[in-house]
Full PDB file with SEQRES, HELIX, SHEET, SSBOND, CRYST1, ORIGX, SCALE, CONECT and MASTER records, all heavy atoms in Angstrom:
SEQRES   1 A   41  LYS LEU ALA VAL HIS HIS SER GLU THR PRO LEU HIS ARG          
SEQRES   2 A   41  GLY PHE SER CYS TYR LEU PHE ASP SER ASP GLY GLN ILE          
SEQRES   3 A   41  LEU VAL THR GLN ARG SER SER ASN LYS ARG THR PHE PRO          
SEQRES   4 A   41  GLY VAL                                                      
CRYST1    1.000    1.000    1.000  90.00  90.00  90.00 P 1           1          
ORIGX1      1.000000  0.000000  0.000000        0.00000                         
ORIGX2      0.000000  1.000000  0.000000        0.00000                         
ORIGX3      0.000000  0.000000  1.000000        0.00000                         
SCALE1      1.000000  0.000000  0.000000        0.00000                         
SCALE2      0.000000  1.000000  0.000000        0.00000                         
SCALE3      0.000000  0.000000  1.000000        0.00000                         
ATOM      1  N   LYS A   1    -121.396 111.644 -79.117  1.00  0.00           N  
ATOM      2  CA  LYS A   1    -120.474 112.270 -80.063  1.00  0.00           C  
ATOM      3  C   LYS A   1    -119.198 112.751 -79.375  1.00  0.00           C  
ATOM      4  O   LYS A   1    -118.094 112.550 -79.896  1.00  0.00           O  
ATOM      5  CB  LYS A   1    -121.167 113.441 -80.768  1.00  0.00           C  
ATOM      6  CG  LYS A   1    -120.291 114.101 -81.835  1.00  0.00           C  
ATOM      7  CD  LYS A   1    -120.998 115.247 -82.519  1.00  0.00           C  
ATOM      8  CE  LYS A   1    -121.010 116.490 -81.651  1.00  0.00           C  
ATOM      9  NZ  LYS A   1    -121.502 117.677 -82.388  1.00  0.00           N  
ATOM     10  N   LEU A   2    -119.332 113.371 -78.216  1.00  0.00           N  
ATOM     11  CA  LEU A   2    -118.162 113.902 -77.531  1.00  0.00           C  
ATOM     12  C   LEU A   2    -117.222 112.800 -77.069  1.00  0.00           C  
ATOM     13  O   LEU A   2    -116.014 112.993 -76.987  1.00  0.00           O  
ATOM     14  CB  LEU A   2    -118.596 114.761 -76.333  1.00  0.00           C  
ATOM     15  CG  LEU A   2    -119.276 116.087 -76.673  1.00  0.00           C  
ATOM     16  CD1 LEU A   2    -119.682 116.812 -75.397  1.00  0.00           C  
ATOM     17  CD2 LEU A   2    -118.356 116.970 -77.512  1.00  0.00           C  
ATOM     18  N   ALA A   3    -117.775 111.627 -76.773  1.00  0.00           N  
ATOM     19  CA  ALA A   3    -116.947 110.534 -76.271  1.00  0.00           C  
ATOM     20  C   ALA A   3    -116.300 109.724 -77.377  1.00  0.00           C  
ATOM     21  O   ALA A   3    -115.285 109.055 -77.159  1.00  0.00           O  
ATOM     22  CB  ALA A   3    -117.790 109.607 -75.391  1.00  0.00           C  
ATOM     23  N   VAL A   4    -116.860 109.772 -78.585  1.00  0.00           N  
ATOM     24  CA  VAL A   4    -116.421 108.862 -79.650  1.00  0.00           C  
ATOM     25  C   VAL A   4    -115.239 109.399 -80.445  1.00  0.00           C  
ATOM     26  O   VAL A   4    -114.529 108.642 -81.104  1.00  0.00           O  
ATOM     27  CB  VAL A   4    -117.594 108.542 -80.595  1.00  0.00           C  
ATOM     28  CG1 VAL A   4    -117.813 109.650 -81.623  1.00  0.00           C  
ATOM     29  CG2 VAL A   4    -117.394 107.212 -81.288  1.00  0.00           C  
ATOM     30  N   HIS A   5    -114.987 110.709 -80.391  1.00  0.00           N  
ATOM     31  CA  HIS A   5    -113.904 111.296 -81.184  1.00  0.00           C  
ATOM     32  C   HIS A   5    -112.632 111.400 -80.346  1.00  0.00           C  
ATOM     33  O   HIS A   5    -112.546 112.178 -79.403  1.00  0.00           O  
ATOM     34  CB  HIS A   5    -114.314 112.677 -81.698  1.00  0.00           C  
ATOM     35  CG  HIS A   5    -115.383 112.635 -82.736  1.00  0.00           C  
ATOM     36  ND1 HIS A   5    -116.721 112.720 -82.427  1.00  0.00           N  
ATOM     37  CD2 HIS A   5    -115.321 112.488 -84.087  1.00  0.00           C  
ATOM     38  CE1 HIS A   5    -117.431 112.640 -83.543  1.00  0.00           C  
ATOM     39  NE2 HIS A   5    -116.609 112.492 -84.562  1.00  0.00           N  
ATOM     40  N   HIS A   6    -111.629 110.603 -80.725  1.00  0.00           N  
ATOM     41  CA  HIS A   6    -110.348 110.556 -80.022  1.00  0.00           C  
ATOM     42  C   HIS A   6    -109.307 109.987 -80.975  1.00  0.00           C  
ATOM     43  O   HIS A   6    -109.511 109.989 -82.197  1.00  0.00           O  
ATOM     44  CB  HIS A   6    -110.472 109.729 -78.740  1.00  0.00           C  
ATOM     45  CG  HIS A   6    -111.219 108.443 -78.909  1.00  0.00           C  
ATOM     46  ND1 HIS A   6    -110.742 107.373 -79.648  1.00  0.00           N  
ATOM     47  CD2 HIS A   6    -112.445 108.045 -78.449  1.00  0.00           C  
ATOM     48  CE1 HIS A   6    -111.608 106.375 -79.620  1.00  0.00           C  
ATOM     49  NE2 HIS A   6    -112.664 106.762 -78.906  1.00  0.00           N  
ATOM     50  N   SER A   7    -108.204 109.497 -80.476  1.00  0.00           N  
ATOM     51  CA  SER A   7    -107.128 109.014 -81.342  1.00  0.00           C  
ATOM     52  C   SER A   7    -107.474 107.716 -82.058  1.00  0.00           C  
ATOM     53  O   SER A   7    -106.828 107.368 -83.052  1.00  0.00           O  
ATOM     54  CB  SER A   7    -105.848 108.824 -80.528  1.00  0.00           C  
ATOM     55  OG  SER A   7    -106.043 107.852 -79.511  1.00  0.00           O  
ATOM     56  N   GLU A   8    -108.477 106.994 -81.574  1.00  0.00           N  
ATOM     57  CA  GLU A   8    -108.893 105.747 -82.204  1.00  0.00           C  
ATOM     58  C   GLU A   8    -110.402 105.761 -82.468  1.00  0.00           C  
ATOM     59  O   GLU A   8    -111.121 104.821 -82.162  1.00  0.00           O  
ATOM     60  CB  GLU A   8    -108.505 104.555 -81.330  1.00  0.00           C  
ATOM     61  CG  GLU A   8    -106.994 104.427 -81.138  1.00  0.00           C  
ATOM     62  CD  GLU A   8    -106.610 103.224 -80.297  1.00  0.00           C  
ATOM     63  OE1 GLU A   8    -107.517 102.468 -79.876  1.00  0.00           O  
ATOM     64  OE2 GLU A   8    -105.407 103.037 -80.061  1.00  0.00           O  
ATOM     65  N   THR A   9    -110.875 106.846 -83.037  1.00  0.00           N  
ATOM     66  CA  THR A   9    -112.288 107.020 -83.335  1.00  0.00           C  
ATOM     67  C   THR A   9    -112.821 105.856 -84.171  1.00  0.00           C  
ATOM     68  O   THR A   9    -112.260 105.543 -85.222  1.00  0.00           O  
ATOM     69  CB  THR A   9    -112.512 108.327 -84.105  1.00  0.00           C  
ATOM     70  OG1 THR A   9    -112.040 109.420 -83.302  1.00  0.00           O  
ATOM     71  CG2 THR A   9    -113.985 108.540 -84.434  1.00  0.00           C  
ATOM     72  N   PRO A  10    -113.891 105.209 -83.727  1.00  0.00           N  
ATOM     73  CA  PRO A  10    -114.460 104.116 -84.531  1.00  0.00           C  
ATOM     74  C   PRO A  10    -115.223 104.653 -85.733  1.00  0.00           C  
ATOM     75  O   PRO A  10    -115.664 105.811 -85.752  1.00  0.00           O  
ATOM     76  CB  PRO A  10    -115.409 103.433 -83.535  1.00  0.00           C  
ATOM     77  CG  PRO A  10    -115.814 104.517 -82.593  1.00  0.00           C  
ATOM     78  CD  PRO A  10    -114.613 105.407 -82.456  1.00  0.00           C  
ATOM     79  N   LEU A  11    -115.392 103.813 -86.735  1.00  0.00           N  
ATOM     80  CA  LEU A  11    -116.158 104.188 -87.922  1.00  0.00           C  
ATOM     81  C   LEU A  11    -117.608 104.476 -87.533  1.00  0.00           C  
ATOM     82  O   LEU A  11    -118.230 103.703 -86.807  1.00  0.00           O  
ATOM     83  CB  LEU A  11    -116.106 103.063 -88.950  1.00  0.00           C  
ATOM     84  CG  LEU A  11    -116.781 103.321 -90.299  1.00  0.00           C  
ATOM     85  CD1 LEU A  11    -116.131 104.479 -91.035  1.00  0.00           C  
ATOM     86  CD2 LEU A  11    -116.725 102.043 -91.153  1.00  0.00           C  
ATOM     87  N   HIS A  12    -118.128 105.598 -88.016  1.00  0.00           N  
ATOM     88  CA  HIS A  12    -119.503 105.984 -87.682  1.00  0.00           C  
ATOM     89  C   HIS A  12    -120.097 106.783 -88.846  1.00  0.00           C  
ATOM     90  O   HIS A  12    -119.404 107.168 -89.780  1.00  0.00           O  
ATOM     91  CB  HIS A  12    -119.546 106.801 -86.391  1.00  0.00           C  
ATOM     92  CG  HIS A  12    -118.705 108.044 -86.430  1.00  0.00           C  
ATOM     93  ND1 HIS A  12    -117.340 108.035 -86.230  1.00  0.00           N  
ATOM     94  CD2 HIS A  12    -119.031 109.338 -86.649  1.00  0.00           C  
ATOM     95  CE1 HIS A  12    -116.867 109.271 -86.325  1.00  0.00           C  
ATOM     96  NE2 HIS A  12    -117.871 110.077 -86.584  1.00  0.00           N  
ATOM     97  N   ARG A  13    -121.405 107.013 -88.770  1.00  0.00           N  
ATOM     98  CA  ARG A  13    -122.097 107.723 -89.846  1.00  0.00           C  
ATOM     99  C   ARG A  13    -122.028 109.233 -89.651  1.00  0.00           C  
ATOM    100  O   ARG A  13    -122.217 109.736 -88.547  1.00  0.00           O  
ATOM    101  CB  ARG A  13    -123.560 107.278 -89.918  1.00  0.00           C  
ATOM    102  CG  ARG A  13    -123.742 105.872 -90.452  1.00  0.00           C  
ATOM    103  CD  ARG A  13    -125.187 105.445 -90.440  1.00  0.00           C  
ATOM    104  NE  ARG A  13    -125.315 104.049 -90.882  1.00  0.00           N  
ATOM    105  CZ  ARG A  13    -126.363 103.290 -90.621  1.00  0.00           C  
ATOM    106  NH1 ARG A  13    -127.395 103.785 -89.945  1.00  0.00           N  
ATOM    107  NH2 ARG A  13    -126.385 102.038 -91.051  1.00  0.00           N  
ATOM    108  N   GLY A  14    -121.755 109.908 -90.741  1.00  0.00           N  
ATOM    109  CA  GLY A  14    -121.779 111.356 -90.752  1.00  0.00           C  
ATOM    110  C   GLY A  14    -122.394 111.834 -92.059  1.00  0.00           C  
ATOM    111  O   GLY A  14    -123.002 111.059 -92.796  1.00  0.00           O  
ATOM    112  N   PHE A  15    -122.246 113.105 -92.355  1.00  0.00           N  
ATOM    113  CA  PHE A  15    -122.652 113.654 -93.660  1.00  0.00           C  
ATOM    114  C   PHE A  15    -121.950 114.987 -93.857  1.00  0.00           C  
ATOM    115  O   PHE A  15    -121.492 115.621 -92.900  1.00  0.00           O  
ATOM    116  CB  PHE A  15    -124.175 113.844 -93.750  1.00  0.00           C  
ATOM    117  CG  PHE A  15    -124.704 114.897 -92.823  1.00  0.00           C  
ATOM    118  CD1 PHE A  15    -124.650 116.249 -93.162  1.00  0.00           C  
ATOM    119  CD2 PHE A  15    -125.236 114.561 -91.598  1.00  0.00           C  
ATOM    120  CE1 PHE A  15    -125.115 117.235 -92.295  1.00  0.00           C  
ATOM    121  CE2 PHE A  15    -125.704 115.534 -90.721  1.00  0.00           C  
ATOM    122  CZ  PHE A  15    -125.641 116.864 -91.069  1.00  0.00           C  
ATOM    123  N   SER A  16    -121.853 115.406 -95.100  1.00  0.00           N  
ATOM    124  CA  SER A  16    -121.407 116.751 -95.457  1.00  0.00           C  
ATOM    125  C   SER A  16    -122.450 117.366 -96.372  1.00  0.00           C  
ATOM    126  O   SER A  16    -123.073 116.666 -97.172  1.00  0.00           O  
ATOM    127  CB  SER A  16    -120.061 116.715 -96.184  1.00  0.00           C  
ATOM    128  OG  SER A  16    -119.019 116.311 -95.338  1.00  0.00           O  
ATOM    129  N   CYS A  17    -122.613 118.684 -96.272  1.00  0.00           N  
ATOM    130  CA  CYS A  17    -123.583 119.377 -97.122  1.00  0.00           C  
ATOM    131  C   CYS A  17    -122.970 120.648 -97.686  1.00  0.00           C  
ATOM    132  O   CYS A  17    -122.258 121.378 -96.983  1.00  0.00           O  
ATOM    133  CB  CYS A  17    -124.844 119.715 -96.331  1.00  0.00           C  
ATOM    134  SG  CYS A  17    -126.094 120.584 -97.314  1.00  0.00           S  
ATOM    135  N   TYR A  18    -123.264 120.889 -98.958  1.00  0.00           N  
ATOM    136  CA  TYR A  18    -122.869 122.104 -99.655  1.00  0.00           C  
ATOM    137  C   TYR A  18    -124.139 122.903 -99.941  1.00  0.00           C  
ATOM    138  O   TYR A  18    -125.005 122.457-100.691  1.00  0.00           O  
ATOM    139  CB  TYR A  18    -122.138 121.755-100.954  1.00  0.00           C  
ATOM    140  CG  TYR A  18    -120.793 121.106-100.718  1.00  0.00           C  
ATOM    141  CD1 TYR A  18    -120.702 119.784-100.270  1.00  0.00           C  
ATOM    142  CD2 TYR A  18    -119.615 121.814-100.920  1.00  0.00           C  
ATOM    143  CE1 TYR A  18    -119.471 119.190-100.024  1.00  0.00           C  
ATOM    144  CE2 TYR A  18    -118.377 121.231-100.689  1.00  0.00           C  
ATOM    145  CZ  TYR A  18    -118.316 119.918-100.244  1.00  0.00           C  
ATOM    146  OH  TYR A  18    -117.088 119.330 -99.998  1.00  0.00           O  
ATOM    147  N   LEU A  19    -124.249 124.070 -99.314  1.00  0.00           N  
ATOM    148  CA  LEU A  19    -125.443 124.900 -99.426  1.00  0.00           C  
ATOM    149  C   LEU A  19    -125.251 125.961-100.499  1.00  0.00           C  
ATOM    150  O   LEU A  19    -124.236 126.672-100.502  1.00  0.00           O  
ATOM    151  CB  LEU A  19    -125.737 125.567 -98.082  1.00  0.00           C  
ATOM    152  CG  LEU A  19    -126.964 126.474 -98.028  1.00  0.00           C  
ATOM    153  CD1 LEU A  19    -128.255 125.655 -98.141  1.00  0.00           C  
ATOM    154  CD2 LEU A  19    -126.970 127.289 -96.731  1.00  0.00           C  
ATOM    155  N   PHE A  20    -126.232 126.085-101.384  1.00  0.00           N  
ATOM    156  CA  PHE A  20    -126.174 127.047-102.491  1.00  0.00           C  
ATOM    157  C   PHE A  20    -127.325 128.033-102.407  1.00  0.00           C  
ATOM    158  O   PHE A  20    -128.423 127.693-101.946  1.00  0.00           O  
ATOM    159  CB  PHE A  20    -126.206 126.309-103.830  1.00  0.00           C  
ATOM    160  CG  PHE A  20    -124.986 125.456-104.074  1.00  0.00           C  
ATOM    161  CD1 PHE A  20    -124.949 124.141-103.642  1.00  0.00           C  
ATOM    162  CD2 PHE A  20    -123.885 125.986-104.707  1.00  0.00           C  
ATOM    163  CE1 PHE A  20    -123.822 123.353-103.853  1.00  0.00           C  
ATOM    164  CE2 PHE A  20    -122.749 125.207-104.922  1.00  0.00           C  
ATOM    165  CZ  PHE A  20    -122.712 123.883-104.495  1.00  0.00           C  
ATOM    166  N   ASP A  21    -127.062 129.259-102.880  1.00  0.00           N  
ATOM    167  CA  ASP A  21    -128.123 130.272-102.913  1.00  0.00           C  
ATOM    168  C   ASP A  21    -128.795 130.278-104.283  1.00  0.00           C  
ATOM    169  O   ASP A  21    -128.515 129.434-105.144  1.00  0.00           O  
ATOM    170  CB  ASP A  21    -127.582 131.651-102.522  1.00  0.00           C  
ATOM    171  CG  ASP A  21    -126.610 132.237-103.547  1.00  0.00           C  
ATOM    172  OD1 ASP A  21    -126.433 131.647-104.638  1.00  0.00           O  
ATOM    173  OD2 ASP A  21    -126.016 133.297-103.251  1.00  0.00           O  
ATOM    174  N   SER A  22    -129.667 131.249-104.510  1.00  0.00           N  
ATOM    175  CA  SER A  22    -130.447 131.276-105.751  1.00  0.00           C  
ATOM    176  C   SER A  22    -129.603 131.603-106.977  1.00  0.00           C  
ATOM    177  O   SER A  22    -130.040 131.411-108.110  1.00  0.00           O  
ATOM    178  CB  SER A  22    -131.585 132.296-105.624  1.00  0.00           C  
ATOM    179  OG  SER A  22    -131.077 133.574-105.286  1.00  0.00           O  
ATOM    180  N   ASP A  23    -128.369 132.088-106.755  1.00  0.00           N  
ATOM    181  CA  ASP A  23    -127.455 132.366-107.863  1.00  0.00           C  
ATOM    182  C   ASP A  23    -126.442 131.245-108.080  1.00  0.00           C  
ATOM    183  O   ASP A  23    -125.522 131.380-108.894  1.00  0.00           O  
ATOM    184  CB  ASP A  23    -126.699 133.677-107.614  1.00  0.00           C  
ATOM    185  CG  ASP A  23    -127.621 134.886-107.592  1.00  0.00           C  
ATOM    186  OD1 ASP A  23    -128.557 134.910-108.418  1.00  0.00           O  
ATOM    187  OD2 ASP A  23    -127.414 135.781-106.755  1.00  0.00           O  
ATOM    188  N   GLY A  24    -126.582 130.162-107.324  1.00  0.00           N  
ATOM    189  CA  GLY A  24    -125.644 129.051-107.462  1.00  0.00           C  
ATOM    190  C   GLY A  24    -124.340 129.239-106.717  1.00  0.00           C  
ATOM    191  O   GLY A  24    -123.370 128.519-106.958  1.00  0.00           O  
ATOM    192  N   GLN A  25    -124.294 130.203-105.789  1.00  0.00           N  
ATOM    193  CA  GLN A  25    -123.097 130.400-104.982  1.00  0.00           C  
ATOM    194  C   GLN A  25    -123.132 129.477-103.762  1.00  0.00           C  
ATOM    195  O   GLN A  25    -124.190 129.215-103.201  1.00  0.00           O  
ATOM    196  CB  GLN A  25    -122.984 131.848-104.517  1.00  0.00           C  
ATOM    197  CG  GLN A  25    -122.768 132.839-105.632  1.00  0.00           C  
ATOM    198  CD  GLN A  25    -122.356 134.189-105.086  1.00  0.00           C  
ATOM    199  OE1 GLN A  25    -121.223 134.629-105.238  1.00  0.00           O  
ATOM    200  NE2 GLN A  25    -123.290 134.864-104.441  1.00  0.00           N  
ATOM    201  N   ILE A  26    -121.949 129.019-103.357  1.00  0.00           N  
ATOM    202  CA  ILE A  26    -121.837 128.136-102.209  1.00  0.00           C  
ATOM    203  C   ILE A  26    -121.513 128.932-100.951  1.00  0.00           C  
ATOM    204  O   ILE A  26    -120.767 129.921-100.996  1.00  0.00           O  
ATOM    205  CB  ILE A  26    -120.747 127.060-102.437  1.00  0.00           C  
ATOM    206  CG1 ILE A  26    -120.619 126.153-101.206  1.00  0.00           C  
ATOM    207  CG2 ILE A  26    -119.417 127.681-102.819  1.00  0.00           C  
ATOM    208  CD1 ILE A  26    -119.608 125.053-101.327  1.00  0.00           C  
ATOM    209  N   LEU A  27    -122.083 128.493 -99.820  1.00  0.00           N  
ATOM    210  CA  LEU A  27    -121.738 129.088 -98.534  1.00  0.00           C  
ATOM    211  C   LEU A  27    -120.582 128.289 -97.936  1.00  0.00           C  
ATOM    212  O   LEU A  27    -120.734 127.123 -97.576  1.00  0.00           O  
ATOM    213  CB  LEU A  27    -122.933 129.071 -97.586  1.00  0.00           C  
ATOM    214  CG  LEU A  27    -122.699 129.774 -96.241  1.00  0.00           C  
ATOM    215  CD1 LEU A  27    -122.448 131.272 -96.448  1.00  0.00           C  
ATOM    216  CD2 LEU A  27    -123.877 129.556 -95.297  1.00  0.00           C  
ATOM    217  N   VAL A  28    -119.424 128.922 -97.844  1.00  0.00           N  
ATOM    218  CA  VAL A  28    -118.226 128.305 -97.269  1.00  0.00           C  
ATOM    219  C   VAL A  28    -118.120 128.761 -95.812  1.00  0.00           C  
ATOM    220  O   VAL A  28    -118.292 129.945 -95.519  1.00  0.00           O  
ATOM    221  CB  VAL A  28    -116.964 128.725 -98.048  1.00  0.00           C  
ATOM    222  CG1 VAL A  28    -115.738 127.984 -97.529  1.00  0.00           C  
ATOM    223  CG2 VAL A  28    -117.159 128.468 -99.539  1.00  0.00           C  
ATOM    224  N   THR A  29    -117.849 127.825 -94.910  1.00  0.00           N  
ATOM    225  CA  THR A  29    -117.823 128.163 -93.487  1.00  0.00           C  
ATOM    226  C   THR A  29    -116.473 127.843 -92.861  1.00  0.00           C  
ATOM    227  O   THR A  29    -115.763 126.941 -93.294  1.00  0.00           O  
ATOM    228  CB  THR A  29    -118.914 127.410 -92.701  1.00  0.00           C  
ATOM    229  OG1 THR A  29    -118.681 125.995 -92.803  1.00  0.00           O  
ATOM    230  CG2 THR A  29    -120.294 127.748 -93.223  1.00  0.00           C  
ATOM    231  N   GLN A  30    -116.147 128.611 -91.829  1.00  0.00           N  
ATOM    232  CA  GLN A  30    -114.960 128.329 -91.018  1.00  0.00           C  
ATOM    233  C   GLN A  30    -115.418 127.701 -89.713  1.00  0.00           C  
ATOM    234  O   GLN A  30    -116.193 128.295 -88.951  1.00  0.00           O  
ATOM    235  CB  GLN A  30    -114.170 129.607 -90.734  1.00  0.00           C  
ATOM    236  CG  GLN A  30    -112.882 129.347 -89.961  1.00  0.00           C  
ATOM    237  CD  GLN A  30    -112.146 130.623 -89.602  1.00  0.00           C  
ATOM    238  OE1 GLN A  30    -112.770 131.677 -89.470  1.00  0.00           O  
ATOM    239  NE2 GLN A  30    -110.839 130.535 -89.434  1.00  0.00           N  
ATOM    240  N   ARG A  31    -114.955 126.494 -89.452  1.00  0.00           N  
ATOM    241  CA  ARG A  31    -115.352 125.783 -88.250  1.00  0.00           C  
ATOM    242  C   ARG A  31    -114.908 126.543 -87.007  1.00  0.00           C  
ATOM    243  O   ARG A  31    -113.836 127.165 -86.981  1.00  0.00           O  
ATOM    244  CB  ARG A  31    -114.746 124.375 -88.250  1.00  0.00           C  
ATOM    245  CG  ARG A  31    -115.318 123.486 -89.342  1.00  0.00           C  
ATOM    246  CD  ARG A  31    -114.501 122.220 -89.535  1.00  0.00           C  
ATOM    247  NE  ARG A  31    -114.482 121.373 -88.350  1.00  0.00           N  
ATOM    248  CZ  ARG A  31    -115.433 120.492 -88.033  1.00  0.00           C  
ATOM    249  NH1 ARG A  31    -116.502 120.372 -88.820  1.00  0.00           N  
ATOM    250  NH2 ARG A  31    -115.323 119.740 -86.957  1.00  0.00           N  
ATOM    251  N   SER A  32    -115.731 126.498 -85.972  1.00  0.00           N  
ATOM    252  CA  SER A  32    -115.421 127.211 -84.738  1.00  0.00           C  
ATOM    253  C   SER A  32    -114.069 126.783 -84.182  1.00  0.00           C  
ATOM    254  O   SER A  32    -113.701 125.604 -84.212  1.00  0.00           O  
ATOM    255  CB  SER A  32    -116.508 126.932 -83.697  1.00  0.00           C  
ATOM    256  OG  SER A  32    -116.111 127.399 -82.416  1.00  0.00           O  
ATOM    257  N   SER A  33    -113.329 127.737 -83.666  1.00  0.00           N  
ATOM    258  CA  SER A  33    -112.045 127.434 -83.037  1.00  0.00           C  
ATOM    259  C   SER A  33    -112.221 126.643 -81.745  1.00  0.00           C  
ATOM    260  O   SER A  33    -111.254 126.132 -81.187  1.00  0.00           O  
ATOM    261  CB  SER A  33    -111.290 128.732 -82.745  1.00  0.00           C  
ATOM    262  OG  SER A  33    -112.074 129.599 -81.941  1.00  0.00           O  
ATOM    263  N   ASN A  34    -113.469 126.532 -81.262  1.00  0.00           N  
ATOM    264  CA  ASN A  34    -113.748 125.759 -80.050  1.00  0.00           C  
ATOM    265  C   ASN A  34    -114.125 124.306 -80.333  1.00  0.00           C  
ATOM    266  O   ASN A  34    -114.339 123.523 -79.403  1.00  0.00           O  
ATOM    267  CB  ASN A  34    -114.881 126.412 -79.256  1.00  0.00           C  
ATOM    268  CG  ASN A  34    -114.493 127.780 -78.727  1.00  0.00           C  
ATOM    269  OD1 ASN A  34    -113.359 127.990 -78.281  1.00  0.00           O  
ATOM    270  ND2 ASN A  34    -115.416 128.728 -78.784  1.00  0.00           N  
ATOM    271  N   LYS A  35    -114.234 123.935 -81.617  1.00  0.00           N  
ATOM    272  CA  LYS A  35    -114.598 122.556 -81.941  1.00  0.00           C  
ATOM    273  C   LYS A  35    -113.478 121.594 -81.554  1.00  0.00           C  
ATOM    274  O   LYS A  35    -112.289 121.925 -81.644  1.00  0.00           O  
ATOM    275  CB  LYS A  35    -114.898 122.421 -83.445  1.00  0.00           C  
ATOM    276  CG  LYS A  35    -116.315 122.822 -83.835  1.00  0.00           C  
ATOM    277  CD  LYS A  35    -116.548 122.538 -85.303  1.00  0.00           C  
ATOM    278  CE  LYS A  35    -117.993 122.811 -85.700  1.00  0.00           C  
ATOM    279  NZ  LYS A  35    -118.919 121.804 -85.203  1.00  0.00           N  
ATOM    280  N   ARG A  36    -113.880 120.390 -81.152  1.00  0.00           N  
ATOM    281  CA  ARG A  36    -112.912 119.362 -80.789  1.00  0.00           C  
ATOM    282  C   ARG A  36    -112.184 118.833 -82.016  1.00  0.00           C  
ATOM    283  O   ARG A  36    -110.980 118.544 -81.959  1.00  0.00           O  
ATOM    284  CB  ARG A  36    -113.632 118.221 -80.054  1.00  0.00           C  
ATOM    285  CG  ARG A  36    -112.732 117.060 -79.643  1.00  0.00           C  
ATOM    286  CD  ARG A  36    -113.510 116.051 -78.793  1.00  0.00           C  
ATOM    287  NE  ARG A  36    -112.732 114.869 -78.496  1.00  0.00           N  
ATOM    288  CZ  ARG A  36    -111.814 114.769 -77.545  1.00  0.00           C  
ATOM    289  NH1 ARG A  36    -111.548 115.827 -76.797  1.00  0.00           N  
ATOM    290  NH2 ARG A  36    -111.165 113.632 -77.328  1.00  0.00           N  
ATOM    291  N   THR A  37    -112.893 118.702 -83.138  1.00  0.00           N  
ATOM    292  CA  THR A  37    -112.301 118.163 -84.355  1.00  0.00           C  
ATOM    293  C   THR A  37    -112.113 119.267 -85.391  1.00  0.00           C  
ATOM    294  O   THR A  37    -113.038 119.999 -85.707  1.00  0.00           O  
ATOM    295  CB  THR A  37    -113.182 117.045 -84.951  1.00  0.00           C  
ATOM    296  OG1 THR A  37    -114.500 117.550 -85.179  1.00  0.00           O  
ATOM    297  CG2 THR A  37    -113.269 115.856 -83.999  1.00  0.00           C  
ATOM    298  N   PHE A  38    -110.901 119.393 -85.878  1.00  0.00           N  
ATOM    299  CA  PHE A  38    -110.556 120.334 -86.939  1.00  0.00           C  
ATOM    300  C   PHE A  38    -111.034 121.762 -86.659  1.00  0.00           C  
ATOM    301  O   PHE A  38    -111.727 122.373 -87.473  1.00  0.00           O  
ATOM    302  CB  PHE A  38    -111.086 119.821 -88.282  1.00  0.00           C  
ATOM    303  CG  PHE A  38    -110.370 118.578 -88.744  1.00  0.00           C  
ATOM    304  CD1 PHE A  38    -110.779 117.326 -88.294  1.00  0.00           C  
ATOM    305  CD2 PHE A  38    -109.280 118.660 -89.593  1.00  0.00           C  
ATOM    306  CE1 PHE A  38    -110.110 116.171 -88.689  1.00  0.00           C  
ATOM    307  CE2 PHE A  38    -108.611 117.513 -89.986  1.00  0.00           C  
ATOM    308  CZ  PHE A  38    -109.019 116.267 -89.541  1.00  0.00           C  
ATOM    309  N   PRO A  39    -110.668 122.321 -85.490  1.00  0.00           N  
ATOM    310  CA  PRO A  39    -111.077 123.694 -85.173  1.00  0.00           C  
ATOM    311  C   PRO A  39    -110.424 124.711 -86.097  1.00  0.00           C  
ATOM    312  O   PRO A  39    -109.267 124.572 -86.492  1.00  0.00           O  
ATOM    313  CB  PRO A  39    -110.587 123.865 -83.721  1.00  0.00           C  
ATOM    314  CG  PRO A  39    -109.427 122.921 -83.604  1.00  0.00           C  
ATOM    315  CD  PRO A  39    -109.801 121.736 -84.445  1.00  0.00           C  
ATOM    316  N   GLY A  40    -111.186 125.754 -86.446  1.00  0.00           N  
ATOM    317  CA  GLY A  40    -110.658 126.872 -87.206  1.00  0.00           C  
ATOM    318  C   GLY A  40    -110.431 126.627 -88.680  1.00  0.00           C  
ATOM    319  O   GLY A  40    -109.956 127.516 -89.395  1.00  0.00           O  
ATOM    320  N   VAL A  41    -110.794 125.443 -89.166  1.00  0.00           N  
ATOM    321  CA  VAL A  41    -110.553 125.090 -90.558  1.00  0.00           C  
ATOM    322  C   VAL A  41    -111.731 125.532 -91.427  1.00  0.00           C  
ATOM    323  O   VAL A  41    -112.881 125.432 -91.028  1.00  0.00           O  
ATOM    324  CB  VAL A  41    -110.349 123.559 -90.677  1.00  0.00           C  
ATOM    325  CG1 VAL A  41    -110.241 123.127 -92.127  1.00  0.00           C  
ATOM    326  CG2 VAL A  41    -109.109 123.134 -89.904  1.00  0.00           C  
TER     327      VAL A  41                                                      
MASTER        0    0    0    0    0    0    0    6  326    1    0    4          
END                                                                             
């Protein structure tokens, strides 16, 4: 993973997940500022 993300990242498999609680609320997260891709977003 660390080697594949750069200016010419090849197509690869990922996923996204939206987590909900018992009241139907979503948990929104802020990505770590130390992440290589999209930090702090």
